[in-house]
């Protein structure tokens, strides 16, 4: 069952009264796995403390762009300093909201940074603003490209903990296409080595296996052979 933290109605109204009436912010989150929590953005030091204490995380990973910070009047430097004082690992990879091309461009870096936190053993709270688009997209990218989960299995894991998540599949597909094009030579070499080793499968199977292995290596820094 997902862990969820909810702001009071008073706190939610206070946030929307600043003139941001299109979407009412509240602090809430859902557990995707023992290491991964997806939620809304912390806006204050007290929000960080609540996430640390109630969600039990050791790292906060932000996908918010500078535009998000400006719109919501978030002092990210203050949050980073407070997080460090709380012994939270604070990391960030900015992605523009509602911008599919930017999501496609930035996803490899976001997945790599996220993978590093998880590789260090952190139970990580990953957020954008609403915790419905960029954060689920990054987790989806991690699960499919690094953990090599089946996409349907991965999205179901995300939706179980974050039912309203709407990651941009076109950004993920485009990101994968870009990575394959960028690393085609390495994929071809590895696929050929599979053939020479007499591994089971045909050329297509070897290519897909090599593609998965190379992309995982690129994003997570693991050996590709």
N, C-alpha and C. Protein backbone atom coordinates (compact mmCIF):
# COMPACT_ATOMS: atom_id res chain seq x y z
N UNK A 1 0.85 -1.20 0.00
CA UNK A 1 0.00 0.00 0.00
C UNK A 1 0.88 1.25 0.00
N UNK A 2 0.54 2.19 -0.81
CA UNK A 2 1.36 3.40 -0.93
C UNK A 2 1.23 4.25 0.32
N UNK A 3 2.35 4.85 0.72
CA UNK A 3 2.33 5.83 1.80
C UNK A 3 1.97 7.18 1.22
N UNK A 4 1.04 7.87 1.83
CA UNK A 4 0.60 9.16 1.30
C UNK A 4 0.61 10.19 2.41
N UNK A 5 1.22 11.33 2.13
CA UNK A 5 1.18 12.45 3.06
C UNK A 5 0.32 13.54 2.47
N UNK A 6 -0.61 14.08 3.22
CA UNK A 6 -1.53 15.09 2.70
C UNK A 6 -1.48 16.36 3.51
N UNK A 7 -1.42 17.48 2.83
CA UNK A 7 -1.52 18.77 3.50
C UNK A 7 -2.95 18.99 3.96
N UNK A 8 -3.12 19.83 4.96
CA UNK A 8 -4.46 20.19 5.39
C UNK A 8 -5.11 21.08 4.35
N UNK A 9 -6.45 21.18 4.40
CA UNK A 9 -7.17 22.05 3.48
C UNK A 9 -6.69 23.50 3.62
N UNK A 10 -6.40 23.90 4.84
CA UNK A 10 -5.96 25.28 5.08
C UNK A 10 -4.66 25.55 4.34
N UNK A 11 -3.72 24.59 4.40
CA UNK A 11 -2.44 24.78 3.74
C UNK A 11 -2.60 24.80 2.23
N UNK A 12 -3.50 23.96 1.71
CA UNK A 12 -3.73 23.91 0.27
C UNK A 12 -4.33 25.23 -0.21
N UNK A 13 -5.30 25.75 0.50
CA UNK A 13 -5.92 27.02 0.13
C UNK A 13 -4.90 28.14 0.19
N UNK A 14 -4.03 28.12 1.19
CA UNK A 14 -3.02 29.17 1.32
C UNK A 14 -2.14 29.19 0.08
N UNK A 15 -1.79 28.02 -0.42
CA UNK A 15 -0.94 27.96 -1.61
C UNK A 15 -1.67 28.49 -2.83
N UNK A 16 -2.92 28.09 -3.01
CA UNK A 16 -3.65 28.52 -4.19
C UNK A 16 -4.02 30.00 -4.12
N UNK A 17 -4.03 30.57 -2.92
CA UNK A 17 -4.40 31.98 -2.79
C UNK A 17 -3.33 32.92 -3.31
N UNK A 18 -2.14 32.40 -3.66
CA UNK A 18 -1.08 33.24 -4.20
C UNK A 18 -1.32 33.57 -5.67
N UNK A 19 -2.43 33.12 -6.20
CA UNK A 19 -2.73 33.39 -7.60
C UNK A 19 -2.49 32.20 -8.50
N UNK A 20 -2.15 31.04 -7.91
CA UNK A 20 -1.90 29.84 -8.70
C UNK A 20 -3.14 28.95 -8.63
N UNK A 21 -4.16 29.34 -9.36
CA UNK A 21 -5.45 28.68 -9.20
C UNK A 21 -5.69 27.55 -10.20
N UNK A 22 -4.79 27.37 -11.15
CA UNK A 22 -4.97 26.31 -12.13
C UNK A 22 -4.80 24.94 -11.49
N UNK A 23 -3.95 24.83 -10.50
CA UNK A 23 -3.69 23.56 -9.82
C UNK A 23 -3.40 23.84 -8.36
N UNK A 24 -4.07 23.14 -7.47
CA UNK A 24 -3.88 23.35 -6.04
C UNK A 24 -2.85 22.36 -5.50
N UNK A 25 -1.76 22.89 -5.04
CA UNK A 25 -0.68 22.06 -4.51
C UNK A 25 -1.03 21.51 -3.14
N UNK A 26 -0.62 20.27 -2.90
CA UNK A 26 -0.62 19.70 -1.56
C UNK A 26 0.55 18.74 -1.50
N UNK A 27 1.10 18.53 -0.33
CA UNK A 27 2.22 17.61 -0.18
C UNK A 27 1.69 16.19 -0.09
N UNK A 28 1.97 15.38 -1.09
CA UNK A 28 1.51 14.00 -1.09
C UNK A 28 2.47 13.14 -1.88
N UNK A 29 2.46 11.85 -1.62
CA UNK A 29 3.40 10.96 -2.28
C UNK A 29 2.89 9.53 -2.28
N UNK A 30 3.54 8.69 -3.07
CA UNK A 30 3.20 7.28 -3.12
C UNK A 30 4.46 6.45 -3.29
N UNK A 31 4.48 5.29 -2.66
CA UNK A 31 5.64 4.40 -2.74
C UNK A 31 5.54 3.51 -3.97
N UNK A 32 6.60 3.51 -4.79
CA UNK A 32 6.65 2.68 -5.99
C UNK A 32 7.39 1.39 -5.69
N UNK A 33 8.43 1.48 -4.90
CA UNK A 33 9.22 0.32 -4.47
C UNK A 33 9.87 0.71 -3.15
N UNK A 34 10.52 -0.23 -2.46
CA UNK A 34 11.17 0.14 -1.20
C UNK A 34 12.19 1.26 -1.32
N UNK A 35 12.73 1.48 -2.53
CA UNK A 35 13.72 2.53 -2.73
C UNK A 35 13.18 3.78 -3.41
N UNK A 36 11.97 3.71 -3.97
CA UNK A 36 11.48 4.80 -4.82
C UNK A 36 10.15 5.34 -4.32
N UNK A 37 10.12 6.64 -4.06
CA UNK A 37 8.90 7.36 -3.69
C UNK A 37 8.71 8.47 -4.71
N UNK A 38 7.49 8.61 -5.24
CA UNK A 38 7.17 9.72 -6.14
C UNK A 38 6.18 10.63 -5.44
N UNK A 39 6.43 11.94 -5.49
CA UNK A 39 5.51 12.86 -4.84
C UNK A 39 5.55 14.26 -5.40
N UNK A 40 4.80 15.13 -4.75
CA UNK A 40 4.78 16.54 -5.13
C UNK A 40 6.01 17.24 -4.56
N UNK A 41 6.23 18.47 -5.03
CA UNK A 41 7.43 19.20 -4.64
C UNK A 41 7.33 19.72 -3.21
N UNK A 42 8.43 19.65 -2.46
CA UNK A 42 8.48 20.38 -1.19
C UNK A 42 8.66 21.87 -1.48
N UNK A 43 7.95 22.69 -0.74
CA UNK A 43 8.05 24.14 -0.94
C UNK A 43 8.75 24.85 0.21
N UNK A 44 8.77 24.21 1.36
CA UNK A 44 9.36 24.83 2.54
C UNK A 44 10.26 23.83 3.25
N UNK A 45 11.04 24.33 4.18
CA UNK A 45 11.90 23.47 4.99
C UNK A 45 11.06 22.48 5.78
N UNK A 46 9.91 22.91 6.26
CA UNK A 46 9.05 22.00 7.02
C UNK A 46 8.53 20.87 6.14
N UNK A 47 8.33 21.15 4.85
CA UNK A 47 7.94 20.08 3.92
C UNK A 47 9.05 19.04 3.81
N UNK A 48 10.28 19.50 3.72
CA UNK A 48 11.42 18.57 3.65
C UNK A 48 11.47 17.69 4.90
N UNK A 49 11.29 18.31 6.05
CA UNK A 49 11.34 17.56 7.30
C UNK A 49 10.23 16.52 7.34
N UNK A 50 9.07 16.91 6.85
CA UNK A 50 7.95 15.97 6.86
C UNK A 50 8.21 14.80 5.93
N UNK A 51 8.76 15.07 4.75
CA UNK A 51 9.08 14.00 3.81
C UNK A 51 10.10 13.04 4.43
N UNK A 52 11.14 13.62 5.02
CA UNK A 52 12.17 12.78 5.63
C UNK A 52 11.59 11.92 6.75
N UNK A 53 10.79 12.52 7.60
CA UNK A 53 10.29 11.81 8.78
C UNK A 53 9.17 10.83 8.45
N UNK A 54 8.24 11.23 7.58
CA UNK A 54 7.07 10.39 7.31
C UNK A 54 7.30 9.40 6.17
N UNK A 55 8.05 9.81 5.14
CA UNK A 55 8.33 8.89 4.03
C UNK A 55 9.59 8.08 4.29
N UNK A 56 10.39 8.52 5.25
CA UNK A 56 11.58 7.76 5.62
C UNK A 56 12.64 7.71 4.54
N UNK A 57 12.82 8.81 3.81
CA UNK A 57 13.79 8.83 2.71
C UNK A 57 15.13 9.39 3.17
N UNK A 58 16.16 9.09 2.38
CA UNK A 58 17.49 9.64 2.66
C UNK A 58 17.98 10.53 1.53
N UNK A 59 17.20 10.64 0.45
CA UNK A 59 17.58 11.49 -0.69
C UNK A 59 16.34 12.12 -1.30
N UNK A 60 16.52 13.33 -1.81
CA UNK A 60 15.48 14.05 -2.54
C UNK A 60 16.02 14.36 -3.93
N UNK A 61 15.29 13.93 -4.96
CA UNK A 61 15.72 14.16 -6.34
C UNK A 61 14.66 15.00 -7.05
N UNK A 62 15.05 16.20 -7.47
CA UNK A 62 14.12 17.15 -8.08
C UNK A 62 14.28 17.19 -9.59
N UNK A 63 13.15 17.23 -10.30
CA UNK A 63 13.12 17.43 -11.74
C UNK A 63 12.62 18.83 -12.08
N UNK A 64 12.41 19.68 -11.08
CA UNK A 64 11.85 21.00 -11.34
C UNK A 64 12.83 21.91 -12.08
N UNK A 65 12.30 22.66 -13.01
CA UNK A 65 13.07 23.65 -13.76
C UNK A 65 13.08 24.97 -12.97
N UNK A 66 14.01 25.85 -13.33
CA UNK A 66 14.03 27.18 -12.70
C UNK A 66 12.69 27.90 -12.85
N UNK A 67 12.02 27.67 -13.98
CA UNK A 67 10.71 28.29 -14.20
C UNK A 67 9.71 27.85 -13.13
N UNK A 68 9.79 26.58 -12.73
CA UNK A 68 8.89 26.08 -11.68
C UNK A 68 9.18 26.78 -10.36
N UNK A 69 10.46 26.91 -10.04
CA UNK A 69 10.83 27.58 -8.78
C UNK A 69 10.34 29.02 -8.76
N UNK A 70 10.48 29.70 -9.90
CA UNK A 70 10.04 31.09 -9.96
C UNK A 70 8.52 31.19 -9.83
N UNK A 71 7.80 30.31 -10.51
CA UNK A 71 6.34 30.36 -10.50
C UNK A 71 5.78 30.10 -9.10
N UNK A 72 6.38 29.13 -8.40
CA UNK A 72 5.87 28.75 -7.10
C UNK A 72 6.63 29.42 -5.94
N UNK A 73 7.53 30.34 -6.26
CA UNK A 73 8.31 31.07 -5.24
C UNK A 73 9.06 30.12 -4.31
N UNK A 74 9.72 29.14 -4.91
CA UNK A 74 10.49 28.16 -4.16
C UNK A 74 11.95 28.59 -4.11
N UNK A 75 12.50 28.67 -2.91
CA UNK A 75 13.91 29.00 -2.72
C UNK A 75 14.69 27.68 -2.66
N UNK A 76 15.16 27.23 -3.82
CA UNK A 76 15.80 25.91 -3.87
C UNK A 76 17.12 25.89 -3.11
N UNK A 77 17.86 26.98 -3.13
CA UNK A 77 19.12 27.02 -2.38
C UNK A 77 18.86 26.82 -0.89
N UNK A 78 17.80 27.43 -0.40
CA UNK A 78 17.43 27.27 1.01
C UNK A 78 17.06 25.82 1.30
N UNK A 79 16.31 25.20 0.39
CA UNK A 79 15.93 23.80 0.58
C UNK A 79 17.16 22.90 0.58
N UNK A 80 18.11 23.18 -0.32
CA UNK A 80 19.33 22.37 -0.37
C UNK A 80 20.12 22.47 0.93
N UNK A 81 20.25 23.68 1.43
CA UNK A 81 20.98 23.87 2.69
C UNK A 81 20.27 23.16 3.84
N UNK A 82 18.96 23.27 3.88
CA UNK A 82 18.19 22.62 4.95
C UNK A 82 18.27 21.11 4.81
N UNK A 83 18.19 20.62 3.57
CA UNK A 83 18.29 19.18 3.34
C UNK A 83 19.63 18.64 3.80
N UNK A 84 20.70 19.36 3.48
CA UNK A 84 22.03 18.92 3.91
C UNK A 84 22.12 18.88 5.43
N UNK A 85 21.51 19.86 6.10
CA UNK A 85 21.52 19.88 7.56
C UNK A 85 20.74 18.69 8.13
N UNK A 86 19.76 18.21 7.37
CA UNK A 86 18.99 17.04 7.79
C UNK A 86 19.65 15.73 7.35
N UNK A 87 20.84 15.84 6.75
CA UNK A 87 21.57 14.68 6.22
C UNK A 87 20.81 14.00 5.09
N UNK A 88 20.11 14.81 4.30
CA UNK A 88 19.46 14.32 3.09
C UNK A 88 20.39 14.58 1.90
N UNK A 89 20.53 13.60 1.03
CA UNK A 89 21.23 13.82 -0.23
C UNK A 89 20.29 14.59 -1.15
N UNK A 90 20.70 15.76 -1.60
CA UNK A 90 19.87 16.62 -2.44
C UNK A 90 20.45 16.67 -3.85
N UNK A 91 19.68 16.24 -4.83
CA UNK A 91 20.15 16.28 -6.21
C UNK A 91 19.02 16.78 -7.10
N UNK A 92 19.40 17.25 -8.28
CA UNK A 92 18.40 17.86 -9.18
C UNK A 92 18.84 17.72 -10.62
N UNK A 93 17.87 17.46 -11.51
CA UNK A 93 18.10 17.49 -12.96
C UNK A 93 16.92 18.23 -13.58
N UNK A 94 17.07 19.51 -13.91
CA UNK A 94 15.93 20.31 -14.38
C UNK A 94 15.38 19.84 -15.72
N UNK A 95 14.07 19.71 -15.79
CA UNK A 95 13.35 19.40 -17.03
C UNK A 95 12.17 20.36 -17.12
N UNK A 96 11.98 20.95 -18.26
CA UNK A 96 10.85 21.87 -18.44
C UNK A 96 9.52 21.11 -18.40
N UNK A 97 8.56 21.70 -17.74
CA UNK A 97 7.23 21.10 -17.64
C UNK A 97 6.48 21.24 -18.96
N UNK A 98 5.71 20.22 -19.31
CA UNK A 98 4.86 20.22 -20.51
C UNK A 98 5.67 20.45 -21.80
N UNK A 99 6.93 20.03 -21.81
CA UNK A 99 7.81 20.24 -22.96
C UNK A 99 8.40 18.89 -23.36
N UNK A 100 7.72 18.20 -24.28
CA UNK A 100 8.13 16.85 -24.67
C UNK A 100 9.55 16.83 -25.25
N UNK A 101 9.92 17.74 -26.16
CA UNK A 101 11.29 17.72 -26.67
C UNK A 101 12.34 17.87 -25.56
N UNK A 102 12.08 18.73 -24.57
CA UNK A 102 13.04 18.88 -23.48
C UNK A 102 13.07 17.63 -22.61
N UNK A 103 11.92 17.02 -22.37
CA UNK A 103 11.89 15.76 -21.63
C UNK A 103 12.74 14.71 -22.34
N UNK A 104 12.59 14.64 -23.65
CA UNK A 104 13.36 13.67 -24.45
C UNK A 104 14.86 13.94 -24.33
N UNK A 105 15.26 15.20 -24.40
CA UNK A 105 16.68 15.55 -24.31
C UNK A 105 17.25 15.30 -22.92
N UNK A 106 16.49 15.62 -21.90
CA UNK A 106 17.00 15.60 -20.54
C UNK A 106 16.86 14.25 -19.84
N UNK A 107 16.03 13.37 -20.39
CA UNK A 107 15.75 12.11 -19.69
C UNK A 107 17.00 11.27 -19.43
N UNK A 108 17.94 11.13 -20.38
CA UNK A 108 19.12 10.32 -20.06
C UNK A 108 19.88 10.82 -18.84
N UNK A 109 20.07 12.13 -18.75
CA UNK A 109 20.77 12.69 -17.60
C UNK A 109 20.00 12.50 -16.31
N UNK A 110 18.67 12.66 -16.39
CA UNK A 110 17.83 12.48 -15.20
C UNK A 110 17.88 11.04 -14.71
N UNK A 111 17.78 10.09 -15.64
CA UNK A 111 17.82 8.68 -15.27
C UNK A 111 19.18 8.33 -14.67
N UNK A 112 20.26 8.83 -15.25
CA UNK A 112 21.60 8.55 -14.73
C UNK A 112 21.77 9.09 -13.31
N UNK A 113 21.33 10.33 -13.09
CA UNK A 113 21.45 10.93 -11.76
C UNK A 113 20.61 10.17 -10.74
N UNK A 114 19.42 9.77 -11.15
CA UNK A 114 18.53 9.00 -10.28
C UNK A 114 19.15 7.64 -9.96
N UNK A 115 19.72 7.00 -10.98
CA UNK A 115 20.36 5.70 -10.79
C UNK A 115 21.53 5.79 -9.81
N UNK A 116 22.26 6.90 -9.85
CA UNK A 116 23.38 7.07 -8.92
C UNK A 116 22.90 7.11 -7.47
N UNK A 117 21.82 7.83 -7.23
CA UNK A 117 21.28 7.89 -5.87
C UNK A 117 20.84 6.51 -5.39
N UNK A 118 20.14 5.80 -6.25
CA UNK A 118 19.70 4.46 -5.87
C UNK A 118 20.89 3.53 -5.69
N UNK A 119 21.90 3.68 -6.55
CA UNK A 119 23.09 2.85 -6.44
C UNK A 119 23.86 3.09 -5.15
N UNK A 120 23.70 4.26 -4.58
CA UNK A 120 24.33 4.59 -3.30
C UNK A 120 23.51 4.09 -2.11
N UNK A 121 22.40 3.41 -2.42
CA UNK A 121 21.58 2.82 -1.37
C UNK A 121 20.52 3.74 -0.80
N UNK A 122 20.26 4.87 -1.45
CA UNK A 122 19.28 5.81 -0.92
C UNK A 122 17.84 5.37 -1.21
N UNK A 123 17.00 5.51 -0.22
CA UNK A 123 15.55 5.50 -0.44
C UNK A 123 15.24 6.93 -0.89
N UNK A 124 14.79 7.05 -2.14
CA UNK A 124 14.79 8.36 -2.80
C UNK A 124 13.39 8.87 -3.09
N UNK A 125 13.15 10.12 -2.71
CA UNK A 125 11.91 10.83 -3.03
C UNK A 125 12.16 11.62 -4.30
N UNK A 126 11.51 11.24 -5.39
CA UNK A 126 11.69 11.92 -6.67
C UNK A 126 10.44 12.73 -6.96
N UNK A 127 10.65 13.99 -7.34
CA UNK A 127 9.50 14.87 -7.55
C UNK A 127 9.73 15.82 -8.70
N UNK A 128 8.62 16.22 -9.32
CA UNK A 128 8.61 17.37 -10.22
C UNK A 128 7.81 18.43 -9.46
N UNK A 129 6.73 18.94 -10.02
CA UNK A 129 5.87 19.84 -9.24
C UNK A 129 4.67 19.07 -8.69
N UNK A 130 3.89 18.48 -9.59
CA UNK A 130 2.73 17.70 -9.16
C UNK A 130 3.06 16.24 -8.89
N UNK A 131 4.23 15.80 -9.32
CA UNK A 131 4.59 14.39 -9.15
C UNK A 131 3.79 13.47 -10.06
N UNK A 132 3.35 14.00 -11.20
CA UNK A 132 2.51 13.22 -12.11
C UNK A 132 3.10 13.04 -13.50
N UNK A 133 4.02 13.92 -13.90
CA UNK A 133 4.56 13.85 -15.25
C UNK A 133 6.04 13.54 -15.31
N UNK A 134 6.87 14.53 -15.00
CA UNK A 134 8.32 14.36 -15.13
C UNK A 134 8.89 13.34 -14.16
N UNK A 135 8.42 13.32 -12.93
CA UNK A 135 8.94 12.35 -11.96
C UNK A 135 8.58 10.92 -12.36
N UNK A 136 7.30 10.62 -12.67
CA UNK A 136 6.99 9.27 -13.15
C UNK A 136 7.74 8.90 -14.43
N UNK A 137 7.96 9.88 -15.32
CA UNK A 137 8.71 9.61 -16.55
C UNK A 137 10.13 9.17 -16.21
N UNK A 138 10.77 9.85 -15.28
CA UNK A 138 12.13 9.49 -14.90
C UNK A 138 12.18 8.10 -14.28
N UNK A 139 11.22 7.80 -13.43
CA UNK A 139 11.16 6.47 -12.82
C UNK A 139 10.89 5.42 -13.89
N UNK A 140 10.00 5.72 -14.83
CA UNK A 140 9.71 4.79 -15.92
C UNK A 140 10.97 4.54 -16.75
N UNK A 141 11.71 5.61 -17.04
CA UNK A 141 12.96 5.46 -17.77
C UNK A 141 13.95 4.59 -17.02
N UNK A 142 14.04 4.80 -15.72
CA UNK A 142 14.96 3.99 -14.91
C UNK A 142 14.54 2.52 -14.91
N UNK A 143 13.28 2.27 -14.68
CA UNK A 143 12.81 0.88 -14.59
C UNK A 143 12.98 0.13 -15.90
N UNK A 144 12.72 0.80 -17.03
CA UNK A 144 12.78 0.12 -18.32
C UNK A 144 14.19 0.08 -18.92
N UNK A 145 14.94 1.16 -18.78
CA UNK A 145 16.25 1.24 -19.43
C UNK A 145 17.39 0.73 -18.55
N UNK A 146 17.28 0.90 -17.24
CA UNK A 146 18.33 0.44 -16.34
C UNK A 146 17.98 -0.91 -15.73
N UNK A 147 16.82 -1.00 -15.10
CA UNK A 147 16.40 -2.28 -14.52
C UNK A 147 15.87 -3.25 -15.58
N UNK A 148 15.61 -2.73 -16.77
CA UNK A 148 15.18 -3.54 -17.92
C UNK A 148 13.88 -4.30 -17.66
N UNK A 149 12.98 -3.62 -16.94
CA UNK A 149 11.65 -4.19 -16.74
C UNK A 149 10.84 -4.05 -18.02
N UNK A 150 9.88 -4.94 -18.19
CA UNK A 150 8.92 -4.80 -19.28
C UNK A 150 8.16 -3.49 -19.07
N UNK A 151 7.96 -2.70 -20.13
CA UNK A 151 7.28 -1.40 -19.96
C UNK A 151 5.92 -1.49 -19.28
N UNK A 152 5.14 -2.52 -19.61
CA UNK A 152 3.82 -2.65 -18.99
C UNK A 152 3.95 -2.96 -17.50
N UNK A 153 4.90 -3.80 -17.15
CA UNK A 153 5.14 -4.10 -15.74
C UNK A 153 5.60 -2.84 -15.00
N UNK A 154 6.46 -2.06 -15.65
CA UNK A 154 6.98 -0.85 -15.03
C UNK A 154 5.89 0.18 -14.78
N UNK A 155 5.05 0.42 -15.79
CA UNK A 155 4.01 1.45 -15.62
C UNK A 155 2.98 1.01 -14.59
N UNK A 156 2.70 -0.29 -14.52
CA UNK A 156 1.75 -0.77 -13.51
C UNK A 156 2.31 -0.58 -12.10
N UNK A 157 3.62 -0.77 -11.94
CA UNK A 157 4.24 -0.52 -10.63
C UNK A 157 4.10 0.95 -10.24
N UNK A 158 4.29 1.82 -11.22
CA UNK A 158 4.18 3.26 -10.95
C UNK A 158 2.74 3.64 -10.62
N UNK A 159 1.80 3.14 -11.41
CA UNK A 159 0.40 3.50 -11.21
C UNK A 159 -0.16 2.94 -9.90
N UNK A 160 0.39 1.84 -9.44
CA UNK A 160 -0.07 1.29 -8.17
C UNK A 160 0.22 2.26 -7.02
N UNK A 161 1.37 2.92 -7.09
CA UNK A 161 1.73 3.87 -6.04
C UNK A 161 1.34 5.30 -6.35
N UNK A 162 1.15 5.59 -7.64
CA UNK A 162 0.84 6.96 -8.08
C UNK A 162 -0.22 6.87 -9.18
N UNK A 163 -1.48 6.59 -8.80
CA UNK A 163 -2.52 6.26 -9.79
C UNK A 163 -2.76 7.32 -10.86
N UNK A 164 -2.51 8.58 -10.57
CA UNK A 164 -2.78 9.65 -11.54
C UNK A 164 -1.57 9.98 -12.41
N UNK A 165 -0.51 9.20 -12.32
CA UNK A 165 0.71 9.48 -13.09
C UNK A 165 0.44 9.41 -14.59
N UNK A 166 1.02 10.37 -15.32
CA UNK A 166 0.86 10.42 -16.78
C UNK A 166 2.22 10.70 -17.44
N UNK A 167 3.15 9.75 -17.36
CA UNK A 167 4.45 9.97 -18.00
C UNK A 167 4.30 10.04 -19.51
N UNK A 168 5.13 10.85 -20.15
CA UNK A 168 5.07 11.04 -21.60
C UNK A 168 5.83 9.92 -22.30
N UNK A 169 5.08 8.95 -22.80
CA UNK A 169 5.71 7.81 -23.47
C UNK A 169 6.51 8.25 -24.69
N UNK A 170 6.03 9.28 -25.39
CA UNK A 170 6.74 9.72 -26.59
C UNK A 170 8.12 10.26 -26.24
N UNK A 171 8.26 10.84 -25.06
CA UNK A 171 9.58 11.31 -24.62
C UNK A 171 10.50 10.13 -24.32
N UNK A 172 9.96 9.10 -23.69
CA UNK A 172 10.75 7.90 -23.40
C UNK A 172 11.16 7.20 -24.69
N UNK A 173 10.22 7.03 -25.61
CA UNK A 173 10.53 6.36 -26.88
C UNK A 173 11.57 7.16 -27.67
N UNK A 174 11.41 8.47 -27.70
CA UNK A 174 12.36 9.31 -28.41
C UNK A 174 13.74 9.27 -27.77
N UNK A 175 13.77 9.27 -26.45
CA UNK A 175 15.03 9.17 -25.72
C UNK A 175 15.75 7.87 -26.07
N UNK A 176 15.00 6.77 -26.09
CA UNK A 176 15.61 5.48 -26.44
C UNK A 176 16.15 5.50 -27.86
N UNK A 177 15.38 6.05 -28.78
CA UNK A 177 15.85 6.15 -30.17
C UNK A 177 17.14 6.97 -30.27
N UNK A 178 17.19 8.06 -29.53
CA UNK A 178 18.38 8.92 -29.55
C UNK A 178 19.60 8.17 -29.01
N UNK A 179 19.41 7.43 -27.92
CA UNK A 179 20.51 6.69 -27.32
C UNK A 179 21.01 5.59 -28.25
N UNK A 180 20.08 4.91 -28.90
CA UNK A 180 20.46 3.85 -29.84
C UNK A 180 21.27 4.44 -30.99
N UNK A 181 20.82 5.57 -31.53
CA UNK A 181 21.54 6.21 -32.63
C UNK A 181 22.93 6.65 -32.18
N UNK A 182 23.02 7.18 -30.98
CA UNK A 182 24.29 7.68 -30.46
C UNK A 182 25.29 6.56 -30.21
N UNK A 183 24.79 5.40 -29.81
CA UNK A 183 25.67 4.30 -29.41
C UNK A 183 25.56 3.10 -30.35
N UNK A 184 25.15 3.35 -31.57
CA UNK A 184 24.93 2.27 -32.53
C UNK A 184 26.18 1.42 -32.74
N UNK A 185 27.33 2.05 -32.87
CA UNK A 185 28.57 1.29 -33.13
C UNK A 185 28.86 0.31 -31.99
N UNK A 186 28.70 0.77 -30.76
CA UNK A 186 28.95 -0.11 -29.61
C UNK A 186 27.94 -1.25 -29.57
N UNK A 187 26.69 -0.95 -29.91
CA UNK A 187 25.66 -1.99 -29.94
C UNK A 187 25.99 -3.02 -31.01
N UNK A 188 26.40 -2.56 -32.18
CA UNK A 188 26.74 -3.48 -33.27
C UNK A 188 27.91 -4.38 -32.88
N UNK A 189 28.93 -3.81 -32.23
CA UNK A 189 30.08 -4.61 -31.83
C UNK A 189 29.69 -5.68 -30.82
N UNK A 190 28.86 -5.29 -29.85
CA UNK A 190 28.46 -6.25 -28.83
C UNK A 190 27.57 -7.33 -29.43
N UNK A 191 26.65 -6.94 -30.32
CA UNK A 191 25.78 -7.93 -30.97
C UNK A 191 26.61 -8.92 -31.77
N UNK A 192 27.64 -8.43 -32.47
CA UNK A 192 28.51 -9.32 -33.25
C UNK A 192 29.28 -10.27 -32.33
N UNK A 193 29.69 -9.77 -31.17
CA UNK A 193 30.40 -10.65 -30.23
C UNK A 193 29.48 -11.75 -29.72
N UNK A 194 28.20 -11.44 -29.55
CA UNK A 194 27.24 -12.48 -29.14
C UNK A 194 27.18 -13.57 -30.20
N UNK A 195 27.15 -13.15 -31.47
CA UNK A 195 27.11 -14.11 -32.58
C UNK A 195 28.37 -14.98 -32.58
N UNK A 196 29.54 -14.34 -32.41
CA UNK A 196 30.80 -15.09 -32.43
C UNK A 196 30.90 -16.06 -31.27
N UNK A 197 30.28 -15.72 -30.14
CA UNK A 197 30.30 -16.60 -28.98
C UNK A 197 29.29 -17.74 -29.10
N UNK A 198 28.50 -17.72 -30.16
CA UNK A 198 27.50 -18.76 -30.37
C UNK A 198 26.33 -18.68 -29.41
N UNK A 199 26.03 -17.47 -28.96
CA UNK A 199 24.90 -17.32 -28.04
C UNK A 199 23.59 -17.66 -28.74
N UNK A 200 22.62 -18.20 -28.01
CA UNK A 200 21.33 -18.56 -28.62
C UNK A 200 20.64 -17.34 -29.22
N UNK A 201 19.85 -17.57 -30.27
CA UNK A 201 19.09 -16.49 -30.88
C UNK A 201 19.63 -16.09 -32.23
N UNK A 202 18.82 -15.30 -32.94
CA UNK A 202 19.21 -14.83 -34.26
C UNK A 202 19.79 -13.42 -34.16
N UNK A 203 20.05 -12.81 -35.31
CA UNK A 203 20.67 -11.48 -35.34
C UNK A 203 19.80 -10.44 -34.63
N UNK A 204 18.49 -10.55 -34.80
CA UNK A 204 17.58 -9.60 -34.16
C UNK A 204 17.63 -9.72 -32.64
N UNK A 205 17.66 -10.97 -32.17
CA UNK A 205 17.74 -11.21 -30.73
C UNK A 205 19.04 -10.65 -30.15
N UNK A 206 20.14 -10.92 -30.87
CA UNK A 206 21.44 -10.42 -30.42
C UNK A 206 21.46 -8.89 -30.38
N UNK A 207 20.84 -8.26 -31.38
CA UNK A 207 20.79 -6.80 -31.42
C UNK A 207 20.03 -6.24 -30.22
N UNK A 208 18.87 -6.82 -29.93
CA UNK A 208 18.06 -6.32 -28.82
C UNK A 208 18.77 -6.53 -27.48
N UNK A 209 19.44 -7.69 -27.34
CA UNK A 209 20.18 -7.94 -26.11
C UNK A 209 21.33 -6.95 -25.96
N UNK A 210 22.03 -6.70 -27.06
CA UNK A 210 23.15 -5.75 -27.03
C UNK A 210 22.65 -4.34 -26.75
N UNK A 211 21.53 -3.97 -27.37
CA UNK A 211 20.96 -2.64 -27.15
C UNK A 211 20.63 -2.43 -25.67
N UNK A 212 19.96 -3.40 -25.06
CA UNK A 212 19.60 -3.28 -23.65
C UNK A 212 20.84 -3.16 -22.77
N UNK A 213 21.85 -3.96 -23.08
CA UNK A 213 23.06 -3.97 -22.25
C UNK A 213 23.84 -2.67 -22.38
N UNK A 214 23.96 -2.16 -23.60
CA UNK A 214 24.71 -0.92 -23.81
C UNK A 214 23.99 0.27 -23.18
N UNK A 215 22.67 0.36 -23.37
CA UNK A 215 21.93 1.48 -22.79
C UNK A 215 21.99 1.45 -21.27
N UNK A 216 21.90 0.27 -20.70
CA UNK A 216 22.02 0.15 -19.24
C UNK A 216 23.40 0.61 -18.79
N UNK A 217 24.43 0.21 -19.53
CA UNK A 217 25.79 0.61 -19.20
C UNK A 217 25.96 2.12 -19.27
N UNK A 218 25.41 2.73 -20.31
CA UNK A 218 25.52 4.18 -20.50
C UNK A 218 24.82 4.93 -19.37
N UNK A 219 23.64 4.48 -19.00
CA UNK A 219 22.83 5.22 -18.03
C UNK A 219 23.21 4.93 -16.58
N UNK A 220 23.65 3.71 -16.31
CA UNK A 220 23.93 3.33 -14.92
C UNK A 220 25.41 3.15 -14.64
N UNK A 221 26.25 3.27 -15.68
CA UNK A 221 27.69 3.13 -15.47
C UNK A 221 28.12 1.72 -15.14
N UNK A 222 27.37 0.72 -15.66
CA UNK A 222 27.73 -0.67 -15.42
C UNK A 222 28.57 -1.20 -16.57
N UNK A 223 29.37 -2.25 -16.35
CA UNK A 223 30.16 -2.83 -17.44
C UNK A 223 29.26 -3.34 -18.54
N UNK A 224 29.70 -3.20 -19.80
CA UNK A 224 28.88 -3.63 -20.93
C UNK A 224 29.33 -4.95 -21.51
N UNK A 225 30.15 -5.64 -20.83
CA UNK A 225 30.60 -6.91 -21.36
C UNK A 225 30.74 -7.95 -20.27
